[in-house]
PDB file of N, CA and C in Angstrom:
ATOM      1  N   MET A   1      84.726  29.974 109.018  1.00  0.00           N
ATOM      2  CA  MET A   1      84.404  30.065 107.605  1.00  0.00           C
ATOM      3  C   MET A   1      85.499  30.092 106.621  1.00  0.00           C
ATOM      4  N   VAL A   2      85.507  29.473 105.459  1.00  0.00           N
ATOM      5  CA  VAL A   2      86.296  29.619 104.623  1.00  0.00           C
ATOM      6  C   VAL A   2      85.532  29.913 103.175  1.00  0.00           C
ATOM      7  N   SER A   3      86.441  30.441 102.320  1.00  0.00           N
ATOM      8  CA  SER A   3      85.558  30.736 100.669  1.00  0.00           C
ATOM      9  C   SER A   3      86.231  29.699  99.961  1.00  0.00           C
ATOM     10  N   MET A   4      85.391  28.899  99.066  1.00  0.00           N
ATOM     11  CA  MET A   4      85.639  28.003  98.267  1.00  0.00           C
ATOM     12  C   MET A   4      84.714  27.732  97.019  1.00  0.00           C
ATOM     13  N   ARG A   5      85.597  27.564  95.645  1.00  0.00           N
ATOM     14  CA  ARG A   5      84.438  27.327  94.732  1.00  0.00           C
ATOM     15  C   ARG A   5      83.523  26.281  94.910  1.00  0.00           C
ATOM     16  N   CYS A   6      82.404  26.535  94.482  1.00  0.00           N
ATOM     17  CA  CYS A   6      81.105  25.545  94.913  1.00  0.00           C
ATOM     18  C   CYS A   6      80.927  24.981  93.588  1.00  0.00           C
ATOM     19  N   VAL A   7      80.934  23.956  93.364  1.00  0.00           N
ATOM     20  CA  VAL A   7      80.272  23.223  92.061  1.00  0.00           C
ATOM     21  C   VAL A   7      78.941  23.242  91.654  1.00  0.00           C
ATOM     22  N   ASN A   8      78.188  23.237  92.760  1.00  0.00           N
ATOM     23  CA  ASN A   8      76.669  23.237  92.870  1.00  0.00           C
ATOM     24  C   ASN A   8      76.285  24.688  92.323  1.00  0.00           C
ATOM     25  N   CYS A   9      76.857  25.705  92.880  1.00  0.00           N
ATOM     26  CA  CYS A   9      76.619  27.188  92.740  1.00  0.00           C
ATOM     27  C   CYS A   9      77.262  27.685  91.308  1.00  0.00           C
ATOM     28  N   GLY A  10      77.114  27.031  90.419  1.00  0.00           N
ATOM     29  CA  GLY A  10      77.483  27.333  89.128  1.00  0.00           C
ATOM     30  C   GLY A  10      79.278  27.545  89.096  1.00  0.00           C
ATOM     31  N   ASP A  11      80.106  26.993  89.991  1.00  0.00           N
ATOM     32  CA  ASP A  11      81.505  27.091  90.250  1.00  0.00           C
ATOM     33  C   ASP A  11      81.829  28.483  90.513  1.00  0.00           C
ATOM     34  N   THR A  12      80.984  29.142  91.264  1.00  0.00           N
ATOM     35  CA  THR A  12      81.289  30.501  91.993  1.00  0.00           C
ATOM     36  C   THR A  12      81.989  30.457  93.472  1.00  0.00           C
ATOM     37  N   VAL A  13      82.827  31.233  93.792  1.00  0.00           N
ATOM     38  CA  VAL A  13      83.253  31.111  95.114  1.00  0.00           C
ATOM     39  C   VAL A  13      81.985  31.759  96.360  1.00  0.00           C
ATOM     40  N   GLN A  14      82.036  30.647  97.411  1.00  0.00           N
ATOM     41  CA  GLN A  14      80.873  30.833  98.065  1.00  0.00           C
ATOM     42  C   GLN A  14      81.901  30.746  99.626  1.00  0.00           C
ATOM     43  N   VAL A  15      81.070  30.845 100.630  1.00  0.00           N
ATOM     44  CA  VAL A  15      81.499  30.682 102.037  1.00  0.00           C
ATOM     45  C   VAL A  15      81.153  29.437 102.266  1.00  0.00           C
ATOM     46  N   PHE A  16      81.794  28.643 102.813  1.00  0.00           N
ATOM     47  CA  PHE A  16      81.337  27.113 103.365  1.00  0.00           C
ATOM     48  C   PHE A  16      82.060  27.471 104.761  1.00  0.00           C
ATOM     49  N   ARG A  17      80.959  26.704 105.679  1.00  0.00           N
ATOM     50  CA  ARG A  17      81.417  26.437 107.081  1.00  0.00           C
ATOM     51  C   ARG A  17      81.720  25.042 107.501  1.00  0.00           C
ATOM     52  N   ARG A  18      81.890  24.669 108.793  1.00  0.00           N
ATOM     53  CA  ARG A  18      81.782  23.483 108.905  1.00  0.00           C
ATOM     54  C   ARG A  18      81.099  22.694 109.248  1.00  0.00           C
ATOM     55  N   LEU A  19      81.184  21.167 109.019  1.00  0.00           N
ATOM     56  CA  LEU A  19      79.945  20.055 109.506  1.00  0.00           C
ATOM     57  C   LEU A  19      79.573  20.466 110.839  1.00  0.00           C
ATOM     58  N   THR A  20      78.139  20.243 110.525  1.00  0.00           N
ATOM     59  CA  THR A  20      77.407  19.908 111.939  1.00  0.00           C
ATOM     60  C   THR A  20      77.621  18.506 112.510  1.00  0.00           C
ATOM     61  N   GLN A  21      77.460  18.133 113.751  1.00  0.00           N
ATOM     62  CA  GLN A  21      77.383  16.937 114.121  1.00  0.00           C
ATOM     63  C   GLN A  21      76.327  15.851 113.451  1.00  0.00           C
ATOM     64  N   ALA A  22      74.920  16.614 113.077  1.00  0.00           N
ATOM     65  CA  ALA A  22      74.156  16.080 112.475  1.00  0.00           C
ATOM     66  C   ALA A  22      74.552  15.403 110.951  1.00  0.00           C
ATOM     67  N   GLU A  23      75.314  16.458 110.432  1.00  0.00           N
ATOM     68  CA  GLU A  23      75.792  16.164 109.017  1.00  0.00           C
ATOM     69  C   GLU A  23      76.808  15.188 108.818  1.00  0.00           C
ATOM     70  N   LYS A  24      77.764  14.921 109.688  1.00  0.00           N
ATOM     71  CA  LYS A  24      78.884  14.004 109.852  1.00  0.00           C
ATOM     72  C   LYS A  24      78.575  12.786 109.248  1.00  0.00           C
ATOM     73  N   PRO A  25      77.755  12.194 109.958  1.00  0.00           N
ATOM     74  CA  PRO A  25      77.283  10.581 109.682  1.00  0.00           C
ATOM     75  C   PRO A  25      76.897  10.563 107.877  1.00  0.00           C
ATOM     76  N   TYR A  26      76.206  11.548 107.687  1.00  0.00           N
ATOM     77  CA  TYR A  26      76.178  11.252 105.805  1.00  0.00           C
ATOM     78  C   TYR A  26      77.227  11.355 105.160  1.00  0.00           C
ATOM     79  N   VAL A  27      78.446  12.467 105.633  1.00  0.00           N
ATOM     80  CA  VAL A  27      79.197  12.565 104.651  1.00  0.00           C
ATOM     81  C   VAL A  27      80.194  11.633 104.872  1.00  0.00           C
ATOM     82  N   GLU A  28      80.553  10.827 106.315  1.00  0.00           N
ATOM     83  CA  GLU A  28      81.285   9.556 106.333  1.00  0.00           C
ATOM     84  C   GLU A  28      80.858   8.413 105.719  1.00  0.00           C
ATOM     85  N   GLN A  29      79.451   8.607 105.342  1.00  0.00           N
ATOM     86  CA  GLN A  29      78.886   7.331 104.648  1.00  0.00           C
ATOM     87  C   GLN A  29      79.690   7.380 102.936  1.00  0.00           C
ATOM     88  N   GLN A  30      79.489   8.534 102.591  1.00  0.00           N
ATOM     89  CA  GLN A  30      79.693   8.719 101.417  1.00  0.00           C
ATOM     90  C   GLN A  30      81.392   9.136 100.975  1.00  0.00           C
ATOM     91  N   LYS A  31      82.081   8.992 101.667  1.00  0.00           N
ATOM     92  CA  LYS A  31      83.482   9.154 101.794  1.00  0.00           C
ATOM     93  C   LYS A  31      84.210   8.431 102.249  1.00  0.00           C
ATOM     94  N   PRO A  32      85.617   7.749 101.961  1.00  0.00           N
ATOM     95  CA  PRO A  32      86.201   6.553 102.220  1.00  0.00           C
ATOM     96  C   PRO A  32      86.723   6.747 103.982  1.00  0.00           C
ATOM     97  N   LYS A  33      86.670   5.844 104.365  1.00  0.00           N
ATOM     98  CA  LYS A  33      86.909   5.906 106.020  1.00  0.00           C
ATOM     99  C   LYS A  33      88.428   6.446 106.446  1.00  0.00           C
ATOM    100  N   HIS A  34      89.435   6.417 105.213  1.00  0.00           N
ATOM    101  CA  HIS A  34      90.362   7.109 105.913  1.00  0.00           C
ATOM    102  C   HIS A  34      90.492   8.644 105.710  1.00  0.00           C
ATOM    103  N   THR A  35      89.534   9.102 105.374  1.00  0.00           N
ATOM    104  CA  THR A  35      89.302  10.391 105.167  1.00  0.00           C
ATOM    105  C   THR A  35      88.970  11.366 106.588  1.00  0.00           C
ATOM    106  N   ARG A  36      89.616  12.498 106.727  1.00  0.00           N
ATOM    107  CA  ARG A  36      89.222  13.044 107.986  1.00  0.00           C
ATOM    108  C   ARG A  36      87.862  13.984 107.827  1.00  0.00           C
ATOM    109  N   LEU A  37      86.985  13.824 108.608  1.00  0.00           N
ATOM    110  CA  LEU A  37      85.795  14.662 108.377  1.00  0.00           C
ATOM    111  C   LEU A  37      86.005  16.184 108.673  1.00  0.00           C
ATOM    112  N   GLY A  38      87.119  16.202 109.337  1.00  0.00           N
ATOM    113  CA  GLY A  38      87.270  17.819 109.658  1.00  0.00           C
ATOM    114  C   GLY A  38      87.795  18.279 108.544  1.00  0.00           C
ATOM    115  N   ALA A  39      88.435  17.869 107.460  1.00  0.00           N
ATOM    116  CA  ALA A  39      88.530  18.427 106.314  1.00  0.00           C
ATOM    117  C   ALA A  39      87.250  18.861 105.372  1.00  0.00           C
ATOM    118  N   TYR A  40      86.089  18.294 105.780  1.00  0.00           N
ATOM    119  CA  TYR A  40      85.137  18.702 104.792  1.00  0.00           C
ATOM    120  C   TYR A  40      84.142  20.103 105.209  1.00  0.00           C
ATOM    121  N   TYR A  41      83.599  20.594 104.410  1.00  0.00           N
ATOM    122  CA  TYR A  41      82.733  21.874 104.656  1.00  0.00           C
ATOM    123  C   TYR A  41      81.625  21.910 103.844  1.00  0.00           C
ATOM    124  N   ARG A  42      80.786  22.581 104.227  1.00  0.00           N
ATOM    125  CA  ARG A  42      79.300  22.636 103.756  1.00  0.00           C
ATOM    126  C   ARG A  42      79.075  23.862 103.357  1.00  0.00           C
ATOM    127  N   CYS A  43      78.702  24.305 102.106  1.00  0.00           N
ATOM    128  CA  CYS A  43      78.226  25.595 101.389  1.00  0.00           C
ATOM    129  C   CYS A  43      77.359  26.249 102.189  1.00  0.00           C
ATOM    130  N   SER A  44      77.531  27.593 102.495  1.00  0.00           N
ATOM    131  CA  SER A  44      76.482  28.166 103.519  1.00  0.00           C
ATOM    132  C   SER A  44      75.469  28.970 102.667  1.00  0.00           C
ATOM    133  N   ARG A  45      75.503  28.899 101.021  1.00  0.00           N
ATOM    134  CA  ARG A  45      74.410  29.651 100.585  1.00  0.00           C
ATOM    135  C   ARG A  45      72.991  29.183 100.639  1.00  0.00           C
ATOM    136  N   ASP A  46      72.085  29.857 100.710  1.00  0.00           N
ATOM    137  CA  ASP A  46      70.738  29.234 100.984  1.00  0.00           C
ATOM    138  C   ASP A  46      70.274  28.280  99.809  1.00  0.00           C
ATOM    139  N   GLY A  47      69.802  27.307 100.320  1.00  0.00           N
ATOM    140  CA  GLY A  47      69.697  26.197  99.106  1.00  0.00           C
ATOM    141  C   GLY A  47      70.454  25.279  98.823  1.00  0.00           C
ATOM    142  N   CYS A  48      71.607  25.558  98.826  1.00  0.00           N
ATOM    143  CA  CYS A  48      73.020  24.683  98.479  1.00  0.00           C
ATOM    144  C   CYS A  48      73.065  23.500  99.398  1.00  0.00           C
ATOM    145  N   LEU A  49      73.120  22.336  98.964  1.00  0.00           N
ATOM    146  CA  LEU A  49      73.556  21.216  99.995  1.00  0.00           C
ATOM    147  C   LEU A  49      74.770  20.753  99.524  1.00  0.00           C
ATOM    148  N   ARG A  50      75.744  21.115  98.934  1.00  0.00           N
ATOM    149  CA  ARG A  50      76.914  20.695  98.585  1.00  0.00           C
ATOM    150  C   ARG A  50      77.846  20.728 100.076  1.00  0.00           C
ATOM    151  N   PHE A  51      78.495  19.624 100.112  1.00  0.00           N
ATOM    152  CA  PHE A  51      79.953  19.640 100.958  1.00  0.00           C
ATOM    153  C   PHE A  51      81.003  18.922 100.260  1.00  0.00           C
ATOM    154  N   GLN A  52      82.499  19.581 100.747  1.00  0.00           N
ATOM    155  CA  GLN A  52      83.551  19.330  99.838  1.00  0.00           C
ATOM    156  C   GLN A  52      84.804  19.367 100.667  1.00  0.00           C
ATOM    157  N   ARG A  53      85.509  18.906 100.189  1.00  0.00           N
ATOM    158  CA  ARG A  53      86.826  18.952 101.028  1.00  0.00           C
ATOM    159  C   ARG A  53      88.057  20.274 101.060  1.00  0.00           C
ATOM    160  N   ARG A  54      88.061  20.777 101.517  1.00  0.00           N
ATOM    161  CA  ARG A  54      89.002  21.734 101.650  1.00  0.00           C
ATOM    162  C   ARG A  54      90.078  21.597 100.488  1.00  0.00           C
ATOM    163  N   GLY A  55      90.514  22.484 100.032  1.00  0.00           N
ATOM    164  CA  GLY A  55      91.935  22.174  99.000  1.00  0.00           C
ATOM    165  C   GLY A  55      91.408  21.600  97.860  1.00  0.00           C
ATOM    166  N   ASN A  56      90.171  20.573  97.879  1.00  0.00           N
ATOM    167  CA  ASN A  56      90.042  20.103  96.496  1.00  0.00           C
ATOM    168  C   ASN A  56      88.485  20.293  96.421  1.00  0.00           C
ATOM    169  N   HIS A  57      87.811  21.118  95.589  1.00  0.00           N
ATOM    170  CA  HIS A  57      86.458  21.360  95.329  1.00  0.00           C
ATOM    171  C   HIS A  57      85.849  20.240  94.481  1.00  0.00           C
ATOM    172  N   LYS A  58      86.747  19.288  94.130  1.00  0.00           N
ATOM    173  CA  LYS A  58      86.187  18.158  92.968  1.00  0.00           C
ATOM    174  C   LYS A  58      85.815  17.173  93.966  1.00  0.00           C
ATOM    175  N   ASP A  59      86.632  16.953  95.340  1.00  0.00           N
ATOM    176  CA  ASP A  59      86.259  16.012  96.175  1.00  0.00           C
ATOM    177  C   ASP A  59      85.340  16.286  97.140  1.00  0.00           C
ATOM    178  N   GLY A  60      83.814  15.892  96.505  1.00  0.00           N
ATOM    179  CA  GLY A  60      82.476  16.251  97.755  1.00  0.00           C
ATOM    180  C   GLY A  60      81.375  15.579  97.053  1.00  0.00           C
ATOM    181  N   GLY A  61      80.458  16.076  97.415  1.00  0.00           N
ATOM    182  CA  GLY A  61      79.057  15.694  97.107  1.00  0.00           C
ATOM    183  C   GLY A  61      78.228  16.427  97.809  1.00  0.00           C
ATOM    184  N   SER A  62      76.233  16.062  97.711  1.00  0.00           N
ATOM    185  CA  SER A  62      75.446  16.803  97.874  1.00  0.00           C
ATOM    186  C   SER A  62      74.709  16.110  98.760  1.00  0.00           C
ATOM    187  N   PHE A  63      74.209  16.759  99.765  1.00  0.00           N
ATOM    188  CA  PHE A  63      73.238  16.111 100.824  1.00  0.00           C
ATOM    189  C   PHE A  63      71.673  15.923 100.040  1.00  0.00           C
ATOM    190  N   PRO A  64      70.948  15.008 100.384  1.00  0.00           N
ATOM    191  CA  PRO A  64      69.516  14.754  99.870  1.00  0.00           C
ATOM    192  C   PRO A  64      68.861  15.987  99.885  1.00  0.00           C
ATOM    193  N   GLU A  65      67.994  15.956  99.235  1.00  0.00           N
ATOM    194  CA  GLU A  65      66.797  17.134  99.398  1.00  0.00           C
ATOM    195  C   GLU A  65      65.967  16.703 100.611  1.00  0.00           C
ATOM    196  N   PRO A  66      65.893  17.872 101.385  1.00  0.00           N
ATOM    197  CA  PRO A  66      64.816  17.591 102.613  1.00  0.00           C
ATOM    198  C   PRO A  66      63.821  17.082 102.423  1.00  0.00           C
ATOM    199  N   GLU A  67      63.089  15.796 103.106  1.00  0.00           N
ATOM    200  CA  GLU A  67      61.851  15.564 102.835  1.00  0.00           C
ATOM    201  C   GLU A  67      60.671  16.318 102.853  1.00  0.00           C
ATOM    202  N   ALA A  68      60.870  17.364 103.767  1.00  0.00           N
ATOM    203  CA  ALA A  68      59.699  18.618 103.676  1.00  0.00           C
ATOM    204  C   ALA A  68      59.805  19.071 102.443  1.00  0.00           C
ATOM    205  N   LYS A  69      60.839  19.189 101.509  1.00  0.00           N
ATOM    206  CA  LYS A  69      60.480  20.117 100.212  1.00  0.00           C
ATOM    207  C   LYS A  69      59.868  18.943  99.436  1.00  0.00           C
ATOM    208  N   ASP A  70      60.262  17.669  99.477  1.00  0.00           N
ATOM    209  CA  ASP A  70      59.829  16.800  98.469  1.00  0.00           C
ATOM    210  C   ASP A  70      58.283  16.679  98.676  1.00  0.00           C
ATOM    211  N   GLN A  71      57.801  16.476 100.263  1.00  0.00           N
ATOM    212  CA  GLN A  71      56.322  16.257 100.479  1.00  0.00           C
ATOM    213  C   GLN A  71      55.522  17.312  99.805  1.00  0.00           C
ATOM    214  N   ALA A  72      56.310  18.583  99.893  1.00  0.00           N
ATOM    215  CA  ALA A  72      55.612  19.863  99.369  1.00  0.00           C
ATOM    216  C   ALA A  72      55.345  20.156  97.769  1.00  0.00           C
ATOM    217  N   LYS A  73      56.437  19.327  97.091  1.00  0.00           N
ATOM    218  CA  LYS A  73      56.333  19.304  95.700  1.00  0.00           C
ATOM    219  C   LYS A  73      55.298  18.334  95.334  1.00  0.00           C
ATOM    220  N   ASP A  74      54.980  17.088  95.971  1.00  0.00           N
ATOM    221  CA  ASP A  74      54.158  15.884  95.965  1.00  0.00           C
ATOM    222  C   ASP A  74      52.688  16.725  96.155  1.00  0.00           C
ATOM    223  N   GLN A  75      52.300  17.686  97.049  1.00  0.00           N
ATOM    224  CA  GLN A  75      51.259  18.308  97.373  1.00  0.00           C
ATOM    225  C   GLN A  75      50.844  19.134  96.303  1.00  0.00           C
ATOM    226  N   ILE A  76      51.748  20.027  95.414  1.00  0.00           N
ATOM    227  CA  ILE A  76      51.510  20.995  94.540  1.00  0.00           C
ATOM    228  C   ILE A  76      50.970  20.171  92.997  1.00  0.00           C
ATOM    229  N   LYS A  77      51.651  19.299  93.100  1.00  0.00           N
ATOM    230  CA  LYS A  77      51.329  18.071  91.745  1.00  0.00           C
ATOM    231  C   LYS A  77      49.779  17.779  91.826  1.00  0.00           C
ATOM    232  N   ASP A  78      49.391  17.579  93.202  1.00  0.00           N
ATOM    233  CA  ASP A  78      47.768  16.820  93.402  1.00  0.00           C
ATOM    234  C   ASP A  78      47.053  17.790  92.867  1.00  0.00           C
TER     235      ASP A  78
END
């Protein structure tokens, strides 16, 4: 685990973990092919969807919202 600034968490320092095998394909789609996936980490704060490259907090993105949460929001609106 690594501590880095997280853009999604108000630019505060958070603990990041390595990407799981399930997360790597999404990050690979979002980032150029020449980038090493091992350089990307995921924010481990509950509810945060941020991934970013170690050493450059501006090089990253966010995973999409889980579908279960989207479905729950739709049910609340009904």
